[in-house]
C-alpha atoms as a PDB file:
ATOM      1  CA  MET A   1       0.323   0.084  -0.065  1.00  0.00           C
ATOM      2  CA  PHE A   2       1.260   3.342  -0.987  1.00  0.00           C
ATOM      3  CA  ASN A   3       1.264   5.030   2.690  1.00  0.00           C
ATOM      4  CA  LYS A   4       3.869   7.698   2.484  1.00  0.00           C
ATOM      5  CA  ILE A   5       4.268  10.924   0.876  1.00  0.00           C
ATOM      6  CA  ALA A   6       7.728  12.638   1.196  1.00  0.00           C
ATOM      7  CA  ASN A   7       9.834  15.548   0.082  1.00  0.00           C
ATOM      8  CA  ILE A   8       7.322  17.632  -1.298  1.00  0.00           C
ATOM      9  CA  GLY A   9       8.129  20.840  -1.715  1.00  0.00           C
ATOM     10  CA  ILE A  10       8.998  24.464  -4.191  1.00  0.00           C
ATOM     11  CA  LEU A  11      11.534  23.517  -6.437  1.00  0.00           C
ATOM     12  CA  LYS A  12      13.539  25.996  -9.043  1.00  0.00           C
ATOM     13  CA  ASP A  13      12.760  25.600 -12.567  1.00  0.00           C
ATOM     14  CA  ASN A  14      15.930  26.758 -13.630  1.00  0.00           C
ATOM     15  CA  SER A  15      14.811  26.695 -17.500  1.00  0.00           C
ATOM     16  CA  SER A  16      11.874  28.731 -17.115  1.00  0.00           C
ATOM     17  CA  GLY A  17      13.485  30.694 -14.094  1.00  0.00           C
ATOM     18  CA  ARG A  18       9.967  29.996 -12.314  1.00  0.00           C
ATOM     19  CA  ALA A  19       9.301  28.444  -8.973  1.00  0.00           C
ATOM     20  CA  GLY A  20       7.894  24.958  -9.782  1.00  0.00           C
ATOM     21  CA  TYR A  21       6.222  22.732  -7.393  1.00  0.00           C
ATOM     22  CA  LEU A  22       7.451  18.756  -7.022  1.00  0.00           C
ATOM     23  CA  VAL A  23       4.051  16.968  -7.074  1.00  0.00           C
ATOM     24  CA  ALA A  24       5.527  13.326  -7.878  1.00  0.00           C
ATOM     25  CA  GLU A  25       3.061  12.726 -10.773  1.00  0.00           C
ATOM     26  CA  LYS A  26       5.621  10.917 -12.524  1.00  0.00           C
ATOM     27  CA  SER A  27       6.087   8.524  -9.049  1.00  0.00           C
ATOM     28  CA  VAL A  28       2.336   8.336  -9.227  1.00  0.00           C
ATOM     29  CA  ALA A  29       1.640   7.277 -12.537  1.00  0.00           C
ATOM     30  CA  ARG A  30       4.501   4.609 -12.466  1.00  0.00           C
ATOM     31  CA  ARG A  31       2.486   3.460  -9.101  1.00  0.00           C
ATOM     32  CA  ARG A  32      -0.469   3.628 -10.878  1.00  0.00           C
ATOM     33  CA  LYS A  33       0.772   0.915 -13.422  1.00  0.00           C
ATOM     34  CA  LYS A  34       1.874  -1.530 -11.039  1.00  0.00           C
ATOM     35  CA  GLU A  35      -1.196  -0.910  -8.715  1.00  0.00           C
ATOM     36  CA  LYS A  36      -4.483  -0.521 -10.710  1.00  0.00           C
ATOM     37  CA  GLY A  37      -7.088   0.028  -8.392  1.00  0.00           C
ATOM     38  CA  ASN A  38      -5.103   0.793  -5.297  1.00  0.00           C
ATOM     39  CA  LYS A  39      -6.871   3.560  -3.438  1.00  0.00           C
ATOM     40  CA  ASP A  40      -3.863   5.580  -1.988  1.00  0.00           C
ATOM     41  CA  SER A  41      -2.209   5.993  -5.628  1.00  0.00           C
ATOM     42  CA  ILE A  42      -5.910   7.509  -7.064  1.00  0.00           C
ATOM     43  CA  THR A  43      -5.973  10.205  -4.119  1.00  0.00           C
ATOM     44  CA  PHE A  44      -1.968  10.758  -3.795  1.00  0.00           C
ATOM     45  CA  SER A  45      -1.947  13.491  -6.482  1.00  0.00           C
ATOM     46  CA  PRO A  46      -4.781  15.864  -5.277  1.00  0.00           C
ATOM     47  CA  ALA A  47      -3.449  15.633  -1.511  1.00  0.00           C
ATOM     48  CA  ALA A  48      -0.282  16.549  -2.927  1.00  0.00           C
ATOM     49  CA  LEU A  49      -1.191  19.439  -4.954  1.00  0.00           C
ATOM     50  CA  PHE A  50      -3.368  20.912  -2.480  1.00  0.00           C
ATOM     51  CA  LEU A  51      -0.311  20.724  -0.371  1.00  0.00           C
ATOM     52  CA  THR A  52       2.163  22.667  -2.944  1.00  0.00           C
ATOM     53  CA  GLU A  53      -0.603  25.031  -3.382  1.00  0.00           C
ATOM     54  CA  VAL A  54      -0.202  26.163   0.436  1.00  0.00           C
ATOM     55  CA  LYS A  55       3.641  26.523  -0.243  1.00  0.00           C
ATOM     56  CA  TRP A  56       4.591  24.376   2.686  1.00  0.00           C
ATOM     57  CA  GLY A  57       8.080  22.207   2.711  1.00  0.00           C
ATOM     58  CA  LEU A  58       6.928  19.138   3.148  1.00  0.00           C
ATOM     59  CA  SER A  59       9.446  16.791   4.650  1.00  0.00           C
ATOM     60  CA  GLY A  60       7.087  14.176   5.134  1.00  0.00           C
ATOM     61  CA  VAL A  61       3.688  12.707   5.737  1.00  0.00           C
ATOM     62  CA  ASP A  62       3.268   9.137   7.483  1.00  0.00           C
ATOM     63  CA  TYR A  63      -0.069   7.378   6.877  1.00  0.00           C
ATOM     64  CA  SER A  64       1.005   3.703   7.201  1.00  0.00           C
ATOM     65  CA  SER A  65      -1.178   2.667  10.248  1.00  0.00           C
ATOM     66  CA  GLU A  66      -4.439   2.816  10.610  1.00  0.00           C
ATOM     67  CA  SER A  67      -5.102   4.916  13.205  1.00  0.00           C
ATOM     68  CA  GLN A  68      -1.946   7.233  12.833  1.00  0.00           C
ATOM     69  CA  ILE A  69      -0.878   9.909  10.348  1.00  0.00           C
ATOM     70  CA  LYS A  70       2.137  11.948  10.788  1.00  0.00           C
ATOM     71  CA  PHE A  71       3.384  15.299   9.582  1.00  0.00           C
ATOM     72  CA  ASP A  72       6.430  16.617   9.203  1.00  0.00           C
ATOM     73  CA  PHE A  73       6.470  20.381   7.424  1.00  0.00           C
ATOM     74  CA  ASN A  74       8.297  24.069   7.225  1.00  0.00           C
ATOM     75  CA  ILE A  75       6.175  27.183   6.973  1.00  0.00           C
ATOM     76  CA  GLU A  76       9.036  29.207   6.005  1.00  0.00           C
ATOM     77  CA  GLU A  77      11.949  28.622   8.293  1.00  0.00           C
ATOM     78  CA  ILE A  78       9.779  27.060  10.960  1.00  0.00           C
ATOM     79  CA  ASN A  79       9.235  23.294  10.786  1.00  0.00           C
ATOM     80  CA  PHE A  80       6.352  21.682  12.471  1.00  0.00           C
ATOM     81  CA  LYS A  81       5.965  17.828  13.519  1.00  0.00           C
ATOM     82  CA  LEU A  82       2.800  16.339  14.742  1.00  0.00           C
ATOM     83  CA  THR A  83       1.182  12.975  14.844  1.00  0.00           C
ATOM     84  CA  LEU A  84      -2.727  12.570  14.930  1.00  0.00           C
ATOM     85  CA  ASP A  85      -3.802   9.639  16.415  1.00  0.00           C
ATOM     86  CA  PHE A  86      -7.514   8.911  15.125  1.00  0.00           C
ATOM     87  CA  ASN A  87      -8.247   6.749  18.334  1.00  0.00           C
ATOM     88  CA  GLU A  88      -8.468   9.753  20.858  1.00  0.00           C
ATOM     89  CA  PHE A  89      -8.789  12.215  17.767  1.00  0.00           C
ATOM     90  CA  TYR A  90     -12.095  13.240  18.427  1.00  0.00           C
ATOM     91  CA  LYS A  91     -12.204  12.666  22.616  1.00  0.00           C
ATOM     92  CA  THR A  92      -9.401  15.466  23.338  1.00  0.00           C
ATOM     93  CA  SER A  93      -9.603  19.705  22.639  1.00  0.00           C
ATOM     94  CA  HIS A  94      -5.864  19.965  22.489  1.00  0.00           C
ATOM     95  CA  GLN A  95      -3.264  18.808  20.065  1.00  0.00           C
ATOM     96  CA  VAL A  96       0.932  18.172  20.918  1.00  0.00           C
ATOM     97  CA  VAL A  97       2.650  20.136  18.025  1.00  0.00           C
ATOM     98  CA  TRP A  98       6.743  20.608  17.956  1.00  0.00           C
ATOM     99  CA  VAL A  99       7.589  23.533  16.689  1.00  0.00           C
ATOM    100  CA  SER A 100      11.403  24.220  15.833  1.00  0.00           C
ATOM    101  CA  LYS A 101      13.730  26.600  14.175  1.00  0.00           C
ATOM    102  CA  ASP A 102      17.469  26.833  13.967  1.00  0.00           C
ATOM    103  CA  ILE A 103      19.202  30.058  14.922  1.00  0.00           C
ATOM    104  CA  PHE A 104      22.484  30.736  13.272  1.00  0.00           C
ATOM    105  CA  ARG A 105      25.033  32.854  15.970  1.00  0.00           C
ATOM    106  CA  LYS A 106      28.741  33.187  14.278  1.00  0.00           C
ATOM    107  CA  GLU A 107      29.892  29.965  13.393  1.00  0.00           C
ATOM    108  CA  THR A 108      27.342  27.831  15.589  1.00  0.00           C
ATOM    109  CA  ARG A 109      23.980  26.840  14.816  1.00  0.00           C
ATOM    110  CA  LYS A 110      21.401  26.090  17.654  1.00  0.00           C
ATOM    111  CA  ARG A 111      17.749  24.393  17.224  1.00  0.00           C
ATOM    112  CA  HIS A 112      15.242  25.774  19.534  1.00  0.00           C
ATOM    113  CA  SER A 113      12.074  23.553  19.887  1.00  0.00           C
ATOM    114  CA  LEU A 114       8.669  24.279  21.582  1.00  0.00           C
ATOM    115  CA  LYS A 115       6.494  21.499  22.926  1.00  0.00           C
ATOM    116  CA  ILE A 116       3.192  23.057  22.288  1.00  0.00           C
ATOM    117  CA  LEU A 117      -0.199  22.281  23.346  1.00  0.00           C
ATOM    118  CA  VAL A 118      -2.632  23.793  20.416  1.00  0.00           C
ATOM    119  CA  ARG A 119      -6.579  23.634  20.849  1.00  0.00           C
ATOM    120  CA  LYS A 120      -8.106  21.736  17.805  1.00  0.00           C
ATOM    121  CA  PRO A 121     -10.357  24.290  15.998  1.00  0.00           C
ATOM    122  CA  SER A 122     -13.462  22.978  14.884  1.00  0.00           C
ATOM    123  CA  ILE A 123     -13.306  20.615  11.586  1.00  0.00           C
ATOM    124  CA  ARG A 124     -13.443  22.641   8.397  1.00  0.00           C
ATOM    125  CA  LEU A 125     -12.461  21.637   4.760  1.00  0.00           C
ATOM    126  CA  PHE A 126     -11.452  23.389   2.160  1.00  0.00           C
ATOM    127  CA  GLU A 127     -10.576  22.863  -1.799  1.00  0.00           C
ATOM    128  CA  LYS A 128      -7.963  25.385  -2.186  1.00  0.00           C
ATOM    129  CA  PHE A 129      -6.157  27.282   0.505  1.00  0.00           C
ATOM    130  CA  PRO A 130      -3.738  30.379  -0.045  1.00  0.00           C
ATOM    131  CA  PRO A 131       0.002  30.443   1.150  1.00  0.00           C
ATOM    132  CA  PHE A 132       0.256  32.103   4.735  1.00  0.00           C
ATOM    133  CA  PRO A 133       2.872  33.514   7.068  1.00  0.00           C
ATOM    134  CA  VAL A 134       2.921  32.334  10.803  1.00  0.00           C
ATOM    135  CA  PRO A 135       3.831  35.870  12.214  1.00  0.00           C
ATOM    136  CA  GLY A 136       2.359  35.058  15.516  1.00  0.00           C
ATOM    137  CA  ILE A 137       4.815  31.597  15.698  1.00  0.00           C
ATOM    138  CA  ALA A 138       7.691  33.786  14.201  1.00  0.00           C
ATOM    139  CA  SER A 139       7.764  36.083  17.203  1.00  0.00           C
ATOM    140  CA  VAL A 140       7.668  33.413  20.068  1.00  0.00           C
ATOM    141  CA  PHE A 141      11.023  31.856  18.453  1.00  0.00           C
ATOM    142  CA  ARG A 142      12.521  35.742  18.643  1.00  0.00           C
ATOM    143  CA  ARG A 143      11.436  35.747  22.052  1.00  0.00           C
ATOM    144  CA  VAL A 144      13.260  32.514  23.038  1.00  0.00           C
ATOM    145  CA  GLU A 145      16.261  33.621  21.601  1.00  0.00           C
ATOM    146  CA  LYS A 146      16.356  36.387  23.570  1.00  0.00           C
ATOM    147  CA  MET A 147      16.145  34.312  26.532  1.00  0.00           C
ATOM    148  CA  ASN A 148      19.356  32.877  25.384  1.00  0.00           C
ATOM    149  CA  ILE A 149      18.317  29.512  27.254  1.00  0.00           C
ATOM    150  CA  LYS A 150      21.338  26.905  27.225  1.00  0.00           C
ATOM    151  CA  SER A 151      19.813  23.173  27.227  1.00  0.00           C
ATOM    152  CA  GLU A 152      15.861  23.018  28.248  1.00  0.00           C
ATOM    153  CA  PHE A 153      13.308  24.273  30.610  1.00  0.00           C
ATOM    154  CA  TYR A 154       9.359  22.975  31.459  1.00  0.00           C
ATOM    155  CA  LYS A 155       6.251  24.627  31.992  1.00  0.00           C
ATOM    156  CA  TYR A 156       6.470  23.888  36.284  1.00  0.00           C
ATOM    157  CA  GLU A 157      10.439  25.092  35.949  1.00  0.00           C
ATOM    158  CA  SER A 158      10.037  28.659  34.960  1.00  0.00           C
ATOM    159  CA  LEU A 159       7.968  31.792  35.214  1.00  0.00           C
ATOM    160  CA  ALA A 160       9.801  32.741  31.798  1.00  0.00           C
ATOM    161  CA  LEU A 161       7.880  30.288  29.998  1.00  0.00           C
ATOM    162  CA  HIS A 162       4.805  32.398  30.310  1.00  0.00           C
ATOM    163  CA  SER A 163       6.324  35.519  29.140  1.00  0.00           C
ATOM    164  CA  LEU A 164       6.637  33.929  25.761  1.00  0.00           C
ATOM    165  CA  LEU A 165       3.011  33.876  25.113  1.00  0.00           C
ATOM    166  CA  ASP A 166       1.951  37.818  26.624  1.00  0.00           C
ATOM    167  CA  GLY A 167      -0.002  39.476  24.160  1.00  0.00           C
ATOM    168  CA  LEU A 168       0.632  37.176  21.469  1.00  0.00           C
ATOM    169  CA  GLU A 169      -2.052  34.452  22.451  1.00  0.00           C
ATOM    170  CA  TYR A 170      -4.339  35.412  19.933  1.00  0.00           C
ATOM    171  CA  GLU A 171      -2.431  35.749  16.888  1.00  0.00           C
ATOM    172  CA  ILE A 172      -0.259  32.022  17.559  1.00  0.00           C
ATOM    173  CA  TYR A 173      -3.322  30.376  17.473  1.00  0.00           C
ATOM    174  CA  GLU A 174      -4.882  32.183  14.268  1.00  0.00           C
ATOM    175  CA  ASP A 175      -1.838  30.615  12.818  1.00  0.00           C
ATOM    176  CA  PHE A 176      -2.343  27.343  14.143  1.00  0.00           C
ATOM    177  CA  LYS A 177      -6.264  26.924  12.991  1.00  0.00           C
ATOM    178  CA  LYS A 178      -5.288  27.663   9.482  1.00  0.00           C
ATOM    179  CA  ILE A 179      -2.472  25.157   9.718  1.00  0.00           C
ATOM    180  CA  PHE A 180      -5.228  22.570  11.036  1.00  0.00           C
ATOM    181  CA  PHE A 181      -7.769  24.163   8.532  1.00  0.00           C
ATOM    182  CA  VAL A 182      -4.742  22.580   5.858  1.00  0.00           C
ATOM    183  CA  ILE A 183      -4.369  19.544   7.503  1.00  0.00           C
ATOM    184  CA  TYR A 184      -7.983  18.759   8.071  1.00  0.00           C
ATOM    185  CA  SER A 185      -8.683  19.284   4.302  1.00  0.00           C
ATOM    186  CA  PHE A 186      -5.539  17.408   3.067  1.00  0.00           C
ATOM    187  CA  ILE A 187      -6.614  13.896   5.330  1.00  0.00           C
ATOM    188  CA  ASP A 188      -9.568  14.406   3.361  1.00  0.00           C
ATOM    189  CA  LYS A 189      -8.395  14.528   0.262  1.00  0.00           C
ATOM    190  CA  LEU A 190      -6.565  11.304   1.674  1.00  0.00           C
ATOM    191  CA  ASP A 191     -10.062   9.508   1.749  1.00  0.00           C
ATOM    192  CA  LYS A 192      -8.832   7.054   4.389  1.00  0.00           C
ATOM    193  CA  TYR A 193      -9.732   8.523   7.657  1.00  0.00           C
ATOM    194  CA  ASP A 194     -13.197   9.796   8.404  1.00  0.00           C
ATOM    195  CA  LEU A 195     -13.761  13.275   9.297  1.00  0.00           C
ATOM    196  CA  ASN A 196     -16.644  14.721  10.849  1.00  0.00           C
ATOM    197  CA  HIS A 197     -17.089  18.037   9.175  1.00  0.00           C
ATOM    198  CA  MET A 198     -17.736  20.681  11.136  1.00  0.00           C
ATOM    199  CA  TYR A 199     -17.294  18.550  14.330  1.00  0.00           C
ATOM    200  CA  VAL A 200     -16.310  20.705  17.590  1.00  0.00           C
ATOM    201  CA  PHE A 201     -13.974  19.138  19.663  1.00  0.00           C
ATOM    202  CA  PRO A 202     -14.381  18.921  23.738  1.00  0.00           C
ATOM    203  CA  ASN A 203     -14.253  22.457  25.806  1.00  0.00           C
ATOM    204  CA  ASN A 204     -12.098  22.400  28.691  1.00  0.00           C
ATOM    205  CA  ASN A 205     -10.799  25.133  30.883  1.00  0.00           C
ATOM    206  CA  MET A 206      -7.146  24.851  29.201  1.00  0.00           C
ATOM    207  CA  ASP A 207      -5.991  27.875  27.384  1.00  0.00           C
ATOM    208  CA  ASN A 208      -5.831  27.767  23.521  1.00  0.00           C
ATOM    209  CA  ILE A 209      -2.287  27.441  23.620  1.00  0.00           C
ATOM    210  CA  LEU A 210       0.086  26.294  26.356  1.00  0.00           C
ATOM    211  CA  ILE A 211       3.974  25.961  25.701  1.00  0.00           C
ATOM    212  CA  GLU A 212       5.144  22.659  27.477  1.00  0.00           C
ATOM    213  CA  LYS A 213       8.491  22.789  27.126  1.00  0.00           C
ATOM    214  CA  VAL A 214      11.422  24.773  25.263  1.00  0.00           C
ATOM    215  CA  LEU A 215      14.573  22.896  24.124  1.00  0.00           C
ATOM    216  CA  VAL A 216      17.702  24.017  22.925  1.00  0.00           C
ATOM    217  CA  LYS A 217      20.724  21.856  21.044  1.00  0.00           C
ATOM    218  CA  ASP A 218      23.644  22.478  18.976  1.00  0.00           C
ATOM    219  CA  GLU A 219      23.464  21.130  15.433  1.00  0.00           C
ATOM    220  CA  HIS A 220      26.533  20.139  13.507  1.00  0.00           C
END
């Protein structure tokens, strides 16, 4: 079964000077010849096209599990990783998202990573979604950089983590809402997992955005 999409991103078309998109049409065509009737092969192209139109730098999507789908993608210079588990998907209000960015200082490169709990917005599906920046999330990383963290902080270890979100909660959540709408629409186009359109997730007293952990690592 064709269960993975990897390395779909923006490429440079040297012959025309325009940006082109790797949609893996040739790969799909070859696999269709070998796997006629395979549902994943048929749905791969529309799903991939949808993500390239949003201009995500996609490192990979793994939906080999019957109950989980894993995403690894970039928006501008920020990396996002998350796993949707459909055994718990409709029962929980929040989703764990790892968000990372590399910071260059002189001859060193440090990866700043945030473990964030995000309230899942209601499920909305779109045929198309325009490219969008993530200014709120980018602002958080600028604050993290100024904190000059040496290794890691957890939410219960430092009051400084609370200051990362001051005045940015709304903007950050708007960034994540768009991200989730794209993810929902992509999953719908895979036609592998059932999505309940307009479903509203359980409500609780938690904030929309919670930073669980900040991790800083040297990259070589």
